[in-house]
Each structure stands twice: as C-alpha cells, then as structure tokens.
PDB file of N, CA and C in Angstrom:
ATOM      1  N   UNK A   1     -30.327  19.824  40.504  1.00  0.00           N
ATOM      2  CA  UNK A   1     -31.326  19.841  41.510  1.00  0.00           C
ATOM      3  C   UNK A   1     -30.974  18.488  42.582  1.00  0.00           C
ATOM      4  N   UNK A   2     -31.462  19.530  43.884  1.00  0.00           N
ATOM      5  CA  UNK A   2     -30.992  18.696  45.209  1.00  0.00           C
ATOM      6  C   UNK A   2     -31.735  17.137  45.305  1.00  0.00           C
ATOM      7  N   UNK A   3     -31.178  16.532  45.909  1.00  0.00           N
ATOM      8  CA  UNK A   3     -31.774  14.658  46.449  1.00  0.00           C
ATOM      9  C   UNK A   3     -33.265  15.623  47.076  1.00  0.00           C
ATOM     10  N   UNK A   4     -34.000  14.653  47.231  1.00  0.00           N
ATOM     11  CA  UNK A   4     -34.615  14.810  48.359  1.00  0.00           C
ATOM     12  C   UNK A   4     -34.533  13.509  49.535  1.00  0.00           C
ATOM     13  N   UNK A   5     -34.917  14.387  50.848  1.00  0.00           N
ATOM     14  CA  UNK A   5     -34.866  14.141  52.280  1.00  0.00           C
ATOM     15  C   UNK A   5     -35.421  13.564  52.631  1.00  0.00           C
ATOM     16  N   UNK A   6     -36.207  12.575  53.448  1.00  0.00           N
ATOM     17  CA  UNK A   6     -37.472  12.175  54.159  1.00  0.00           C
ATOM     18  C   UNK A   6     -36.966  11.913  55.240  1.00  0.00           C
ATOM     19  N   UNK A   7     -38.227  12.382  56.395  1.00  0.00           N
ATOM     20  CA  UNK A   7     -38.349  11.581  57.437  1.00  0.00           C
ATOM     21  C   UNK A   7     -39.210  10.450  57.405  1.00  0.00           C
ATOM     22  N   UNK A   8     -39.443   9.508  57.234  1.00  0.00           N
ATOM     23  CA  UNK A   8     -39.938   8.056  57.929  1.00  0.00           C
ATOM     24  C   UNK A   8     -40.396   7.704  58.296  1.00  0.00           C
ATOM     25  N   UNK A   9     -41.837   7.614  58.356  1.00  0.00           N
ATOM     26  CA  UNK A   9     -42.594   7.701  59.710  1.00  0.00           C
ATOM     27  C   UNK A   9     -43.467   5.847  59.153  1.00  0.00           C
ATOM     28  N   UNK A  10     -43.700   5.175  60.800  1.00  0.00           N
ATOM     29  CA  UNK A  10     -44.889   3.888  61.148  1.00  0.00           C
ATOM     30  C   UNK A  10     -45.808   4.022  60.414  1.00  0.00           C
ATOM     31  N   UNK A  11     -46.450   4.007  60.026  1.00  0.00           N
ATOM     32  CA  UNK A  11     -48.249   3.819  59.917  1.00  0.00           C
ATOM     33  C   UNK A  11     -49.078   2.950  60.021  1.00  0.00           C
ATOM     34  N   UNK A  12     -48.280   1.181  60.000  1.00  0.00           N
ATOM     35  CA  UNK A  12     -48.817   0.774  61.003  1.00  0.00           C
ATOM     36  C   UNK A  12     -47.767  -0.416  60.447  1.00  0.00           C
ATOM     37  N   UNK A  13     -48.367  -1.910  61.173  1.00  0.00           N
ATOM     38  CA  UNK A  13     -47.414  -2.805  61.220  1.00  0.00           C
ATOM     39  C   UNK A  13     -47.731  -3.821  59.577  1.00  0.00           C
ATOM     40  N   UNK A  14     -48.997  -4.047  59.429  1.00  0.00           N
ATOM     41  CA  UNK A  14     -49.870  -4.793  57.983  1.00  0.00           C
ATOM     42  C   UNK A  14     -50.316  -3.589  57.498  1.00  0.00           C
ATOM     43  N   UNK A  15     -51.058  -4.129  55.775  1.00  0.00           N
ATOM     44  CA  UNK A  15     -51.697  -3.595  55.298  1.00  0.00           C
ATOM     45  C   UNK A  15     -53.346  -4.177  56.401  1.00  0.00           C
ATOM     46  N   UNK A  16     -53.816  -5.071  56.853  1.00  0.00           N
ATOM     47  CA  UNK A  16     -54.931  -5.444  57.562  1.00  0.00           C
ATOM     48  C   UNK A  16     -55.130  -4.591  58.681  1.00  0.00           C
ATOM     49  N   UNK A  17     -53.686  -3.911  59.254  1.00  0.00           N
ATOM     50  CA  UNK A  17     -54.099  -2.718  60.572  1.00  0.00           C
ATOM     51  C   UNK A  17     -54.529  -1.471  59.881  1.00  0.00           C
ATOM     52  N   UNK A  18     -54.264  -1.654  58.595  1.00  0.00           N
ATOM     53  CA  UNK A  18     -55.083   0.280  58.541  1.00  0.00           C
ATOM     54  C   UNK A  18     -56.428  -0.217  58.012  1.00  0.00           C
ATOM     55  N   UNK A  19     -57.757   0.425  58.497  1.00  0.00           N
ATOM     56  CA  UNK A  19     -58.934   0.089  58.448  1.00  0.00           C
ATOM     57  C   UNK A  19     -59.010   0.905  57.449  1.00  0.00           C
ATOM     58  N   UNK A  20     -59.669   0.679  55.869  1.00  0.00           N
ATOM     59  CA  UNK A  20     -59.592   1.243  54.453  1.00  0.00           C
ATOM     60  C   UNK A  20     -61.352   1.303  55.185  1.00  0.00           C
ATOM     61  N   UNK A  21     -61.911   2.430  54.373  1.00  0.00           N
ATOM     62  CA  UNK A  21     -63.109   3.011  54.224  1.00  0.00           C
ATOM     63  C   UNK A  21     -63.418   1.981  53.203  1.00  0.00           C
ATOM     64  N   UNK A  22     -64.946   1.686  52.511  1.00  0.00           N
ATOM     65  CA  UNK A  22     -65.323   0.388  51.570  1.00  0.00           C
ATOM     66  C   UNK A  22     -64.672   1.734  49.703  1.00  0.00           C
ATOM     67  N   UNK A  23     -64.159   2.625  49.800  1.00  0.00           N
ATOM     68  CA  UNK A  23     -63.656   3.550  48.862  1.00  0.00           C
ATOM     69  C   UNK A  23     -62.261   2.925  48.859  1.00  0.00           C
ATOM     70  N   UNK A  24     -61.602   2.130  49.440  1.00  0.00           N
ATOM     71  CA  UNK A  24     -60.016   1.586  49.942  1.00  0.00           C
ATOM     72  C   UNK A  24     -59.137   3.064  50.251  1.00  0.00           C
ATOM     73  N   UNK A  25     -60.228   3.789  50.850  1.00  0.00           N
ATOM     74  CA  UNK A  25     -58.887   5.544  51.261  1.00  0.00           C
ATOM     75  C   UNK A  25     -59.551   5.869  52.326  1.00  0.00           C
ATOM     76  N   UNK A  26     -58.163   5.788  52.855  1.00  0.00           N
ATOM     77  CA  UNK A  26     -58.688   6.513  55.131  1.00  0.00           C
ATOM     78  C   UNK A  26     -57.905   7.863  55.401  1.00  0.00           C
ATOM     79  N   UNK A  27     -57.961   8.252  56.044  1.00  0.00           N
ATOM     80  CA  UNK A  27     -57.396   9.640  55.982  1.00  0.00           C
ATOM     81  C   UNK A  27     -56.382   9.346  57.259  1.00  0.00           C
ATOM     82  N   UNK A  28     -55.672   9.810  57.693  1.00  0.00           N
ATOM     83  CA  UNK A  28     -55.126   9.517  58.837  1.00  0.00           C
ATOM     84  C   UNK A  28     -53.716  10.657  58.891  1.00  0.00           C
ATOM     85  N   UNK A  29     -53.665  11.087  60.413  1.00  0.00           N
ATOM     86  CA  UNK A  29     -52.877  12.132  60.477  1.00  0.00           C
ATOM     87  C   UNK A  29     -50.733  11.016  60.908  1.00  0.00           C
ATOM     88  N   UNK A  30     -49.780  12.030  60.086  1.00  0.00           N
ATOM     89  CA  UNK A  30     -48.453  11.622  59.853  1.00  0.00           C
ATOM     90  C   UNK A  30     -48.361  12.822  59.748  1.00  0.00           C
ATOM     91  N   UNK A  31     -47.054  12.910  61.455  1.00  0.00           N
ATOM     92  CA  UNK A  31     -46.317  13.949  61.377  1.00  0.00           C
ATOM     93  C   UNK A  31     -47.106  15.206  61.809  1.00  0.00           C
ATOM     94  N   UNK A  32     -47.352  16.318  60.928  1.00  0.00           N
ATOM     95  CA  UNK A  32     -48.032  17.319  61.176  1.00  0.00           C
ATOM     96  C   UNK A  32     -49.017  17.311  60.444  1.00  0.00           C
ATOM     97  N   UNK A  33     -49.765  16.754  58.977  1.00  0.00           N
ATOM     98  CA  UNK A  33     -49.978  16.483  58.235  1.00  0.00           C
ATOM     99  C   UNK A  33     -51.532  15.784  58.522  1.00  0.00           C
ATOM    100  N   UNK A  34     -52.530  16.230  57.268  1.00  0.00           N
ATOM    101  CA  UNK A  34     -53.450  14.485  56.924  1.00  0.00           C
ATOM    102  C   UNK A  34     -52.722  14.500  55.865  1.00  0.00           C
ATOM    103  N   UNK A  35     -52.643  13.085  55.897  1.00  0.00           N
ATOM    104  CA  UNK A  35     -52.631  12.142  54.659  1.00  0.00           C
ATOM    105  C   UNK A  35     -53.264  11.231  54.571  1.00  0.00           C
ATOM    106  N   UNK A  36     -54.208  10.908  52.857  1.00  0.00           N
ATOM    107  CA  UNK A  36     -54.928   9.514  52.548  1.00  0.00           C
ATOM    108  C   UNK A  36     -53.871   8.492  52.687  1.00  0.00           C
ATOM    109  N   UNK A  37     -54.946   7.689  52.344  1.00  0.00           N
ATOM    110  CA  UNK A  37     -53.671   6.524  52.167  1.00  0.00           C
ATOM    111  C   UNK A  37     -54.982   5.449  51.566  1.00  0.00           C
ATOM    112  N   UNK A  38     -53.930   5.150  50.435  1.00  0.00           N
ATOM    113  CA  UNK A  38     -55.122   4.224  49.190  1.00  0.00           C
ATOM    114  C   UNK A  38     -54.753   2.786  48.708  1.00  0.00           C
ATOM    115  N   UNK A  39     -55.437   2.230  49.305  1.00  0.00           N
ATOM    116  CA  UNK A  39     -54.947   0.584  48.658  1.00  0.00           C
ATOM    117  C   UNK A  39     -55.470   0.318  47.337  1.00  0.00           C
ATOM    118  N   UNK A  40     -54.739  -0.413  46.712  1.00  0.00           N
ATOM    119  CA  UNK A  40     -55.117  -0.067  45.358  1.00  0.00           C
ATOM    120  C   UNK A  40     -54.627  -2.033  44.915  1.00  0.00           C
ATOM    121  N   UNK A  41     -54.771  -2.711  43.812  1.00  0.00           N
ATOM    122  CA  UNK A  41     -54.350  -3.337  43.047  1.00  0.00           C
ATOM    123  C   UNK A  41     -52.409  -3.452  43.639  1.00  0.00           C
ATOM    124  N   UNK A  42     -51.907  -2.640  43.149  1.00  0.00           N
ATOM    125  CA  UNK A  42     -50.751  -2.484  42.811  1.00  0.00           C
ATOM    126  C   UNK A  42     -50.279  -2.378  44.134  1.00  0.00           C
ATOM    127  N   UNK A  43     -51.038  -2.019  45.343  1.00  0.00           N
ATOM    128  CA  UNK A  43     -50.220  -1.473  46.553  1.00  0.00           C
ATOM    129  C   UNK A  43     -50.918  -1.064  47.831  1.00  0.00           C
ATOM    130  N   UNK A  44     -49.892   0.019  48.659  1.00  0.00           N
ATOM    131  CA  UNK A  44     -49.825   1.363  49.204  1.00  0.00           C
ATOM    132  C   UNK A  44     -49.669   2.636  48.476  1.00  0.00           C
ATOM    133  N   UNK A  45     -50.679   3.534  48.409  1.00  0.00           N
ATOM    134  CA  UNK A  45     -50.170   5.123  48.015  1.00  0.00           C
ATOM    135  C   UNK A  45     -50.498   5.324  49.203  1.00  0.00           C
ATOM    136  N   UNK A  46     -49.945   7.077  48.916  1.00  0.00           N
ATOM    137  CA  UNK A  46     -50.803   7.879  49.641  1.00  0.00           C
ATOM    138  C   UNK A  46     -50.389   9.537  49.181  1.00  0.00           C
ATOM    139  N   UNK A  47     -51.361  10.751  49.496  1.00  0.00           N
ATOM    140  CA  UNK A  47     -51.494  12.074  48.432  1.00  0.00           C
ATOM    141  C   UNK A  47     -52.108  12.509  50.097  1.00  0.00           C
ATOM    142  N   UNK A  48     -52.066  13.881  49.200  1.00  0.00           N
ATOM    143  CA  UNK A  48     -52.570  14.760  50.378  1.00  0.00           C
ATOM    144  C   UNK A  48     -53.880  15.058  50.529  1.00  0.00           C
ATOM    145  N   UNK A  49     -54.533  15.501  51.354  1.00  0.00           N
ATOM    146  CA  UNK A  49     -55.694  15.004  52.133  1.00  0.00           C
ATOM    147  C   UNK A  49     -56.951  15.683  51.600  1.00  0.00           C
ATOM    148  N   UNK A  50     -56.197  17.352  50.985  1.00  0.00           N
ATOM    149  CA  UNK A  50     -57.084  17.678  50.235  1.00  0.00           C
ATOM    150  C   UNK A  50     -57.260  18.434  48.463  1.00  0.00           C
ATOM    151  N   UNK A  51     -58.280  18.294  48.287  1.00  0.00           N
ATOM    152  CA  UNK A  51     -57.190  18.363  46.739  1.00  0.00           C
ATOM    153  C   UNK A  51     -57.347  19.662  46.395  1.00  0.00           C
ATOM    154  N   UNK A  52     -56.278  19.884  45.470  1.00  0.00           N
ATOM    155  CA  UNK A  52     -55.199  21.211  45.277  1.00  0.00           C
ATOM    156  C   UNK A  52     -56.295  21.894  44.332  1.00  0.00           C
ATOM    157  N   UNK A  53     -57.496  21.710  43.733  1.00  0.00           N
ATOM    158  CA  UNK A  53     -58.187  22.960  43.366  1.00  0.00           C
ATOM    159  C   UNK A  53     -59.548  23.500  44.335  1.00  0.00           C
ATOM    160  N   UNK A  54     -60.125  22.766  44.997  1.00  0.00           N
ATOM    161  CA  UNK A  54     -61.062  23.925  46.007  1.00  0.00           C
ATOM    162  C   UNK A  54     -61.060  22.865  46.953  1.00  0.00           C
ATOM    163  N   UNK A  55     -60.258  22.359  47.518  1.00  0.00           N
ATOM    164  CA  UNK A  55     -59.671  22.132  48.845  1.00  0.00           C
ATOM    165  C   UNK A  55     -60.724  20.688  49.498  1.00  0.00           C
ATOM    166  N   UNK A  56     -61.586  19.785  48.520  1.00  0.00           N
ATOM    167  CA  UNK A  56     -61.739  18.523  48.605  1.00  0.00           C
ATOM    168  C   UNK A  56     -61.258  17.800  49.962  1.00  0.00           C
ATOM    169  N   UNK A  57     -62.352  17.126  50.383  1.00  0.00           N
ATOM    170  CA  UNK A  57     -61.582  15.835  50.923  1.00  0.00           C
ATOM    171  C   UNK A  57     -61.226  14.434  50.115  1.00  0.00           C
ATOM    172  N   UNK A  58     -60.727  14.207  49.716  1.00  0.00           N
ATOM    173  CA  UNK A  58     -59.827  13.153  49.043  1.00  0.00           C
ATOM    174  C   UNK A  58     -59.932  12.232  49.569  1.00  0.00           C
ATOM    175  N   UNK A  59     -60.156  11.748  50.851  1.00  0.00           N
ATOM    176  CA  UNK A  59     -60.637  10.449  51.460  1.00  0.00           C
ATOM    177  C   UNK A  59     -61.746   9.729  51.307  1.00  0.00           C
ATOM    178  N   UNK A  60     -62.818  11.588  50.987  1.00  0.00           N
ATOM    179  CA  UNK A  60     -64.475  11.170  50.064  1.00  0.00           C
ATOM    180  C   UNK A  60     -64.610  10.339  49.211  1.00  0.00           C
ATOM    181  N   UNK A  61     -63.180  10.622  48.694  1.00  0.00           N
ATOM    182  CA  UNK A  61     -63.244  10.259  46.832  1.00  0.00           C
ATOM    183  C   UNK A  61     -63.942   9.129  46.689  1.00  0.00           C
ATOM    184  N   UNK A  62     -62.893   8.288  45.369  1.00  0.00           N
ATOM    185  CA  UNK A  62     -63.126   7.422  44.975  1.00  0.00           C
ATOM    186  C   UNK A  62     -61.771   6.762  43.795  1.00  0.00           C
ATOM    187  N   UNK A  63     -62.119   5.508  43.571  1.00  0.00           N
ATOM    188  CA  UNK A  63     -60.824   5.067  42.470  1.00  0.00           C
ATOM    189  C   UNK A  63     -61.319   5.033  41.394  1.00  0.00           C
ATOM    190  N   UNK A  64     -60.918   5.054  40.415  1.00  0.00           N
ATOM    191  CA  UNK A  64     -61.230   5.012  38.575  1.00  0.00           C
ATOM    192  C   UNK A  64     -61.131   3.557  38.823  1.00  0.00           C
ATOM    193  N   UNK A  65     -61.095   2.892  37.011  1.00  0.00           N
ATOM    194  CA  UNK A  65     -60.823   1.789  36.962  1.00  0.00           C
ATOM    195  C   UNK A  65     -58.983   1.342  36.378  1.00  0.00           C
ATOM    196  N   UNK A  66     -58.398   3.269  36.437  1.00  0.00           N
ATOM    197  CA  UNK A  66     -57.044   2.733  36.541  1.00  0.00           C
ATOM    198  C   UNK A  66     -56.083   2.988  37.686  1.00  0.00           C
ATOM    199  N   UNK A  67     -57.330   3.308  38.877  1.00  0.00           N
ATOM    200  CA  UNK A  67     -56.539   3.816  39.754  1.00  0.00           C
ATOM    201  C   UNK A  67     -56.268   5.363  40.364  1.00  0.00           C
ATOM    202  N   UNK A  68     -56.742   6.047  39.313  1.00  0.00           N
ATOM    203  CA  UNK A  68     -56.333   7.691  39.873  1.00  0.00           C
ATOM    204  C   UNK A  68     -57.522   7.568  41.050  1.00  0.00           C
ATOM    205  N   UNK A  69     -57.281   8.968  41.906  1.00  0.00           N
ATOM    206  CA  UNK A  69     -58.155   9.496  42.470  1.00  0.00           C
ATOM    207  C   UNK A  69     -59.049  10.288  42.333  1.00  0.00           C
ATOM    208  N   UNK A  70     -60.388  10.303  42.698  1.00  0.00           N
ATOM    209  CA  UNK A  70     -60.931  11.246  41.684  1.00  0.00           C
ATOM    210  C   UNK A  70     -61.477  12.025  42.889  1.00  0.00           C
ATOM    211  N   UNK A  71     -61.846  13.170  43.171  1.00  0.00           N
ATOM    212  CA  UNK A  71     -62.394  13.954  44.136  1.00  0.00           C
ATOM    213  C   UNK A  71     -63.965  14.258  43.575  1.00  0.00           C
ATOM    214  N   UNK A  72     -64.044  14.596  45.331  1.00  0.00           N
ATOM    215  CA  UNK A  72     -65.501  13.939  45.431  1.00  0.00           C
ATOM    216  C   UNK A  72     -66.182  15.524  45.061  1.00  0.00           C
ATOM    217  N   UNK A  73     -65.203  16.516  45.275  1.00  0.00           N
ATOM    218  CA  UNK A  73     -66.030  17.917  44.312  1.00  0.00           C
ATOM    219  C   UNK A  73     -66.739  18.078  43.535  1.00  0.00           C
ATOM    220  N   UNK A  74     -65.800  18.473  42.517  1.00  0.00           N
ATOM    221  CA  UNK A  74     -65.674  18.705  41.164  1.00  0.00           C
ATOM    222  C   UNK A  74     -65.078  17.660  39.843  1.00  0.00           C
ATOM    223  N   UNK A  75     -65.204  16.224  40.845  1.00  0.00           N
ATOM    224  CA  UNK A  75     -64.489  15.101  40.035  1.00  0.00           C
ATOM    225  C   UNK A  75     -62.702  14.998  39.203  1.00  0.00           C
ATOM    226  N   UNK A  76     -61.916  16.023  40.058  1.00  0.00           N
ATOM    227  CA  UNK A  76     -60.549  16.160  39.198  1.00  0.00           C
ATOM    228  C   UNK A  76     -59.758  14.570  39.542  1.00  0.00           C
ATOM    229  N   UNK A  77     -59.981  13.955  38.485  1.00  0.00           N
ATOM    230  CA  UNK A  77     -58.812  12.852  38.782  1.00  0.00           C
ATOM    231  C   UNK A  77     -57.468  12.992  38.829  1.00  0.00           C
ATOM    232  N   UNK A  78     -56.732  12.220  39.262  1.00  0.00           N
ATOM    233  CA  UNK A  78     -55.408  12.397  39.565  1.00  0.00           C
ATOM    234  C   UNK A  78     -54.533  11.507  39.735  1.00  0.00           C
ATOM    235  N   UNK A  79     -53.816  11.067  39.008  1.00  0.00           N
ATOM    236  CA  UNK A  79     -52.374   9.655  39.407  1.00  0.00           C
ATOM    237  C   UNK A  79     -51.529   9.885  40.294  1.00  0.00           C
ATOM    238  N   UNK A  80     -51.837   8.366  40.532  1.00  0.00           N
ATOM    239  CA  UNK A  80     -51.243   8.365  42.573  1.00  0.00           C
ATOM    240  C   UNK A  80     -50.113   7.954  42.350  1.00  0.00           C
ATOM    241  N   UNK A  81     -49.178   7.618  40.847  1.00  0.00           N
ATOM    242  CA  UNK A  81     -47.860   7.643  40.716  1.00  0.00           C
ATOM    243  C   UNK A  81     -46.885   9.086  40.124  1.00  0.00           C
ATOM    244  N   UNK A  82     -47.592   9.907  39.907  1.00  0.00           N
ATOM    245  CA  UNK A  82     -47.335  11.473  39.404  1.00  0.00           C
ATOM    246  C   UNK A  82     -48.197  12.406  40.381  1.00  0.00           C
ATOM    247  N   UNK A  83     -49.074  12.401  40.421  1.00  0.00           N
ATOM    248  CA  UNK A  83     -50.233  13.817  40.889  1.00  0.00           C
ATOM    249  C   UNK A  83     -50.497  14.648  40.289  1.00  0.00           C
ATOM    250  N   UNK A  84     -50.252  14.293  39.020  1.00  0.00           N
ATOM    251  CA  UNK A  84     -50.958  14.958  38.046  1.00  0.00           C
ATOM    252  C   UNK A  84     -52.065  14.954  37.701  1.00  0.00           C
ATOM    253  N   UNK A  85     -52.989  16.182  37.474  1.00  0.00           N
ATOM    254  CA  UNK A  85     -54.161  15.913  37.170  1.00  0.00           C
ATOM    255  C   UNK A  85     -54.339  15.570  35.190  1.00  0.00           C
ATOM    256  N   UNK A  86     -55.248  14.481  35.610  1.00  0.00           N
ATOM    257  CA  UNK A  86     -55.257  13.900  33.739  1.00  0.00           C
ATOM    258  C   UNK A  86     -57.262  14.443  33.800  1.00  0.00           C
ATOM    259  N   UNK A  87     -56.867  15.165  34.329  1.00  0.00           N
ATOM    260  CA  UNK A  87     -58.219  16.522  33.352  1.00  0.00           C
ATOM    261  C   UNK A  87     -57.833  17.147  32.473  1.00  0.00           C
ATOM    262  N   UNK A  88     -56.466  17.263  32.444  1.00  0.00           N
ATOM    263  CA  UNK A  88     -56.295  18.314  31.770  1.00  0.00           C
ATOM    264  C   UNK A  88     -56.450  19.944  32.481  1.00  0.00           C
ATOM    265  N   UNK A  89     -56.888  19.795  34.304  1.00  0.00           N
ATOM    266  CA  UNK A  89     -56.937  21.719  34.237  1.00  0.00           C
ATOM    267  C   UNK A  89     -55.537  22.084  34.858  1.00  0.00           C
ATOM    268  N   UNK A  90     -54.236  21.058  35.528  1.00  0.00           N
ATOM    269  CA  UNK A  90     -52.772  21.487  35.525  1.00  0.00           C
ATOM    270  C   UNK A  90     -52.757  21.497  36.877  1.00  0.00           C
ATOM    271  N   UNK A  91     -53.359  20.436  37.527  1.00  0.00           N
ATOM    272  CA  UNK A  91     -53.230  20.758  38.996  1.00  0.00           C
ATOM    273  C   UNK A  91     -52.446  19.898  39.528  1.00  0.00           C
ATOM    274  N   UNK A  92     -52.050  20.156  40.322  1.00  0.00           N
ATOM    275  CA  UNK A  92     -51.304  19.060  40.955  1.00  0.00           C
ATOM    276  C   UNK A  92     -51.793  18.545  42.199  1.00  0.00           C
ATOM    277  N   UNK A  93     -51.423  17.054  42.579  1.00  0.00           N
ATOM    278  CA  UNK A  93     -51.542  16.772  44.349  1.00  0.00           C
ATOM    279  C   UNK A  93     -50.382  16.055  44.384  1.00  0.00           C
ATOM    280  N   UNK A  94     -49.714  16.833  45.787  1.00  0.00           N
ATOM    281  CA  UNK A  94     -49.118  16.303  46.314  1.00  0.00           C
ATOM    282  C   UNK A  94     -49.103  14.280  46.608  1.00  0.00           C
ATOM    283  N   UNK A  95     -48.018  13.668  46.484  1.00  0.00           N
ATOM    284  CA  UNK A  95     -47.728  12.596  46.593  1.00  0.00           C
ATOM    285  C   UNK A  95     -46.794  12.031  47.420  1.00  0.00           C
ATOM    286  N   UNK A  96     -47.273  11.369  48.598  1.00  0.00           N
ATOM    287  CA  UNK A  96     -46.112  11.083  49.395  1.00  0.00           C
ATOM    288  C   UNK A  96     -45.673   9.082  49.053  1.00  0.00           C
ATOM    289  N   UNK A  97     -44.390   9.227  49.333  1.00  0.00           N
ATOM    290  CA  UNK A  97     -43.385   7.902  48.805  1.00  0.00           C
ATOM    291  C   UNK A  97     -44.130   6.756  50.692  1.00  0.00           C
ATOM    292  N   UNK A  98     -44.376   5.904  50.015  1.00  0.00           N
ATOM    293  CA  UNK A  98     -44.381   3.951  51.143  1.00  0.00           C
ATOM    294  C   UNK A  98     -43.753   3.796  50.501  1.00  0.00           C
ATOM    295  N   UNK A  99     -42.974   3.204  51.519  1.00  0.00           N
ATOM    296  CA  UNK A  99     -42.266   1.746  51.673  1.00  0.00           C
ATOM    297  C   UNK A  99     -42.935   0.695  52.394  1.00  0.00           C
ATOM    298  N   UNK A 100     -43.331  -0.745  52.001  1.00  0.00           N
ATOM    299  CA  UNK A 100     -43.348  -1.620  52.841  1.00  0.00           C
ATOM    300  C   UNK A 100     -42.454  -2.611  53.174  1.00  0.00           C
ATOM    301  N   UNK A 101     -42.213  -2.549  54.386  1.00  0.00           N
ATOM    302  CA  UNK A 101     -41.050  -3.588  54.788  1.00  0.00           C
ATOM    303  C   UNK A 101     -41.531  -4.928  55.615  1.00  0.00           C
ATOM    304  N   UNK A 102     -40.554  -5.343  56.117  1.00  0.00           N
ATOM    305  CA  UNK A 102     -41.258  -6.991  56.789  1.00  0.00           C
ATOM    306  C   UNK A 102     -41.100  -5.642  58.490  1.00  0.00           C
ATOM    307  N   UNK A 103     -40.875  -4.666  58.673  1.00  0.00           N
ATOM    308  CA  UNK A 103     -41.068  -3.827  60.162  1.00  0.00           C
ATOM    309  C   UNK A 103     -41.937  -3.337  59.682  1.00  0.00           C
ATOM    310  N   UNK A 104     -42.740  -3.314  59.128  1.00  0.00           N
ATOM    311  CA  UNK A 104     -43.736  -2.172  58.598  1.00  0.00           C
ATOM    312  C   UNK A 104     -43.838  -1.349  57.669  1.00  0.00           C
ATOM    313  N   UNK A 105     -45.127  -0.423  57.555  1.00  0.00           N
ATOM    314  CA  UNK A 105     -45.480   0.389  56.425  1.00  0.00           C
ATOM    315  C   UNK A 105     -45.123   1.440  56.815  1.00  0.00           C
ATOM    316  N   UNK A 106     -44.234   2.254  55.566  1.00  0.00           N
ATOM    317  CA  UNK A 106     -43.821   3.296  56.605  1.00  0.00           C
ATOM    318  C   UNK A 106     -44.006   4.429  55.449  1.00  0.00           C
ATOM    319  N   UNK A 107     -44.243   6.211  55.158  1.00  0.00           N
ATOM    320  CA  UNK A 107     -44.692   6.894  55.103  1.00  0.00           C
ATOM    321  C   UNK A 107     -43.281   7.830  55.102  1.00  0.00           C
ATOM    322  N   UNK A 108     -42.866   8.735  53.535  1.00  0.00           N
ATOM    323  CA  UNK A 108     -42.225   9.229  54.032  1.00  0.00           C
ATOM    324  C   UNK A 108     -42.391  11.505  53.664  1.00  0.00           C
ATOM    325  N   UNK A 109     -42.332  11.770  54.412  1.00  0.00           N
ATOM    326  CA  UNK A 109     -43.296  12.859  54.724  1.00  0.00           C
ATOM    327  C   UNK A 109     -41.141  13.809  54.314  1.00  0.00           C
ATOM    328  N   UNK A 110     -41.358  14.487  53.880  1.00  0.00           N
ATOM    329  CA  UNK A 110     -40.247  15.654  53.018  1.00  0.00           C
ATOM    330  C   UNK A 110     -39.487  16.394  53.998  1.00  0.00           C
ATOM    331  N   UNK A 111     -38.830  16.502  53.791  1.00  0.00           N
ATOM    332  CA  UNK A 111     -37.415  16.909  55.097  1.00  0.00           C
ATOM    333  C   UNK A 111     -37.720  19.031  54.334  1.00  0.00           C
ATOM    334  N   UNK A 112     -38.360  20.010  55.402  1.00  0.00           N
ATOM    335  CA  UNK A 112     -37.680  21.020  55.024  1.00  0.00           C
ATOM    336  C   UNK A 112     -36.674  21.640  55.126  1.00  0.00           C
ATOM    337  N   UNK A 113     -35.990  22.177  53.907  1.00  0.00           N
ATOM    338  CA  UNK A 113     -34.487  23.160  54.500  1.00  0.00           C
ATOM    339  C   UNK A 113     -34.992  24.206  55.262  1.00  0.00           C
ATOM    340  N   UNK A 114     -33.852  25.152  55.298  1.00  0.00           N
ATOM    341  CA  UNK A 114     -33.695  26.439  55.650  1.00  0.00           C
ATOM    342  C   UNK A 114     -35.427  27.015  54.992  1.00  0.00           C
ATOM    343  N   UNK A 115     -34.480  26.950  53.525  1.00  0.00           N
ATOM    344  CA  UNK A 115     -35.382  28.174  52.544  1.00  0.00           C
ATOM    345  C   UNK A 115     -36.685  27.778  52.589  1.00  0.00           C
ATOM    346  N   UNK A 116     -36.891  26.827  52.291  1.00  0.00           N
ATOM    347  CA  UNK A 116     -38.115  25.513  52.188  1.00  0.00           C
ATOM    348  C   UNK A 116     -39.526  26.069  53.635  1.00  0.00           C
ATOM    349  N   UNK A 117     -38.594  26.293  54.316  1.00  0.00           N
ATOM    350  CA  UNK A 117     -39.341  26.651  56.586  1.00  0.00           C
ATOM    351  C   UNK A 117     -40.015  28.120  56.072  1.00  0.00           C
ATOM    352  N   UNK A 118     -39.187  29.077  54.813  1.00  0.00           N
ATOM    353  CA  UNK A 118     -39.470  30.358  54.970  1.00  0.00           C
ATOM    354  C   UNK A 118     -40.941  30.706  54.049  1.00  0.00           C
ATOM    355  N   UNK A 119     -41.069  29.603  53.448  1.00  0.00           N
ATOM    356  CA  UNK A 119     -42.539  29.325  52.418  1.00  0.00           C
ATOM    357  C   UNK A 119     -43.112  29.832  53.194  1.00  0.00           C
TER     358      UNK A 119
END
C-alpha cells in the first residue's frame, strides 16, 4: 500500500481566528475543496462538506455526545476519526488530517497521483 502524500494548507493562525457557528462547525474553501472544520473537546477535526448519503450540508449538522458529526438531512452519524457511518448504513465521510503547530493550523489534502486524476 502506498503512503499518502498531502499538500498542507494553512487555514488559520489560531483556533480563535476560526469563526465557528453555534454548533462548533464551519465550512471553508481549502485548496479547491469545500471542507467542514469541527471544534471538539479533543481539538480540531475536518471532513467533507457534503454527506456521502444524500449530499446534506455537514456544516448545518451537529455533534453528538461522543463528538461524532450528524448529517442534518437523514441524521446519519459519522466518526470524525475514521469517517465510518456509525449507524450502520455503510457510508464513509471523507476525513482530512489537521495539524496544530506554533506557526498555525494546517489541513492536509491528499495529493492526486496520475491514476487518481483519471477517476
């Protein structure tokens, strides 16, 4: 299995700079993608902006008591570490790595290889 390579994008200097909504979720453009940034007790997570089931806007969703993200359309619930749908339907939500450093908060977008660009 090949090692994933990422292009890292600085999304903020500090957590305070990010303008989270009441639900601790915001959407922003990073690179050429719309990404949801989520503030949890454990730090910052990131996922695809649309639910893989029906395209619901994940930024309009909520977090449950276990810090899983819930789609606002059909209430599908996704683990923010694995992207797995914990309610058993078999969907996966794209999860993006986030790193907090002294120089800022960075989000990684996987680099597309030649064959991935053909998909």
